[in-house]
Each structure stands twice: as structure tokens, then as C-alpha cells.
N, C-alpha and C. Protein backbone atom coordinates (compact mmCIF):
# COMPACT_ATOMS: atom_id res chain seq x y z
N MET A 1 -3.59 -23.25 -4.92
CA MET A 1 -4.60 -22.26 -4.86
C MET A 1 -4.30 -21.59 -3.62
N GLN A 2 -4.21 -22.17 -2.46
CA GLN A 2 -4.04 -21.44 -1.25
C GLN A 2 -2.81 -20.56 -1.54
N ASP A 3 -1.69 -20.92 -1.72
CA ASP A 3 -0.32 -20.22 -2.28
C ASP A 3 -0.78 -18.90 -3.02
N PHE A 4 -1.70 -18.92 -4.02
CA PHE A 4 -1.81 -18.10 -4.87
C PHE A 4 -2.60 -16.84 -3.89
N ALA A 5 -3.51 -17.41 -3.18
CA ALA A 5 -4.37 -16.50 -2.23
C ALA A 5 -3.41 -15.59 -1.47
N PHE A 6 -2.54 -16.51 -1.23
CA PHE A 6 -1.65 -15.86 0.28
C PHE A 6 -0.83 -14.65 -0.75
N GLY A 7 -0.43 -15.18 -1.87
CA GLY A 7 0.42 -14.05 -2.47
C GLY A 7 -0.26 -12.69 -2.91
N CYS A 8 -1.43 -13.06 -3.32
CA CYS A 8 -2.54 -11.88 -3.65
C CYS A 8 -2.60 -11.09 -2.50
N SER A 9 -2.72 -11.60 -1.12
CA SER A 9 -3.06 -10.86 0.15
C SER A 9 -1.92 -10.20 0.47
N ALA A 10 -0.70 -10.76 0.00
CA ALA A 10 0.57 -10.14 0.49
C ALA A 10 0.84 -8.85 -0.32
N ILE A 11 0.54 -9.18 -1.79
CA ILE A 11 0.64 -7.96 -2.78
C ILE A 11 -0.21 -6.81 -2.11
N ARG A 12 -1.29 -7.10 -1.88
CA ARG A 12 -2.45 -6.24 -1.65
C ARG A 12 -2.02 -5.47 -0.34
N SER A 13 -1.38 -6.01 0.81
CA SER A 13 -0.98 -5.64 2.09
C SER A 13 0.12 -4.79 1.48
N ASP A 14 0.88 -5.09 1.10
CA ASP A 14 2.11 -4.17 0.68
C ASP A 14 1.87 -2.95 -0.55
N PHE A 15 0.52 -3.25 -1.21
CA PHE A 15 0.21 -2.15 -2.03
C PHE A 15 -0.51 -1.16 -1.18
N ALA A 16 -1.21 -1.84 -0.16
CA ALA A 16 -1.77 -0.64 0.77
C ALA A 16 -0.90 0.27 1.33
N ARG A 17 0.30 -0.40 2.00
CA ARG A 17 1.24 0.32 2.60
C ARG A 17 1.83 1.37 2.00
N GLN A 18 2.30 0.91 0.46
CA GLN A 18 2.64 1.88 -0.26
C GLN A 18 1.56 3.14 -0.42
N THR A 19 0.33 3.00 -0.74
CA THR A 19 -0.78 3.79 -0.86
C THR A 19 -0.74 4.91 0.40
N ALA A 20 -0.50 4.21 1.46
CA ALA A 20 -0.62 5.11 2.75
C ALA A 20 0.79 5.96 2.86
N ASP A 21 1.80 5.42 2.43
CA ASP A 21 3.09 6.34 2.65
C ASP A 21 2.80 7.43 1.27
N ASN A 22 2.44 7.04 0.20
CA ASN A 22 2.00 8.24 -0.99
C ASN A 22 1.15 9.28 -0.52
N VAL A 23 0.07 8.95 0.24
CA VAL A 23 -1.02 9.82 0.85
C VAL A 23 -0.15 10.66 2.00
N ARG A 24 0.54 9.94 2.53
CA ARG A 24 1.21 10.82 3.96
C ARG A 24 2.09 11.82 3.05
N PHE A 25 2.88 11.30 2.43
CA PHE A 25 3.88 12.40 1.46
C PHE A 25 2.83 13.38 0.84
N PHE A 26 1.89 12.91 0.05
CA PHE A 26 1.00 14.10 -0.74
C PHE A 26 0.44 15.01 0.48
N HIS A 27 0.04 14.61 1.44
CA HIS A 27 -0.43 15.68 2.52
C HIS A 27 0.69 16.46 3.02
N LEU A 28 1.94 15.93 3.06
CA LEU A 28 3.04 16.70 3.61
C LEU A 28 3.29 17.78 2.61
N ALA A 29 3.60 17.17 1.46
CA ALA A 29 3.55 18.28 0.07
C ALA A 29 2.77 19.54 -0.10
N HIS A 30 1.30 18.89 0.10
CA HIS A 30 0.11 19.87 0.12
C HIS A 30 0.42 20.76 1.15
N ARG A 31 0.84 20.71 2.40
CA ARG A 31 0.83 21.48 3.63
C ARG A 31 1.90 22.56 3.23
N LEU A 32 2.78 22.27 2.30
CA LEU A 32 3.90 23.26 2.21
C LEU A 32 3.32 24.08 0.99
């Protein structure tokens, strides 16, 4: 169960990083 929770948190952090990159890219594209 702990391994499952750790995997979920790892996936969540990776998804958050991806979302941050997408938001940054969107802002850059919107500025153009």
C-alpha cells in the first residue's frame, strides 16, 4: 500500500511538472 501511495505521489509530481511546462509554453505562445 505504501508503494502504491509513493507511485501515485510520483505520478502526481510528474504531472504537475508537465502541467507547469505546458502553462509556461502557453504563456510564451500567447505572448507572440
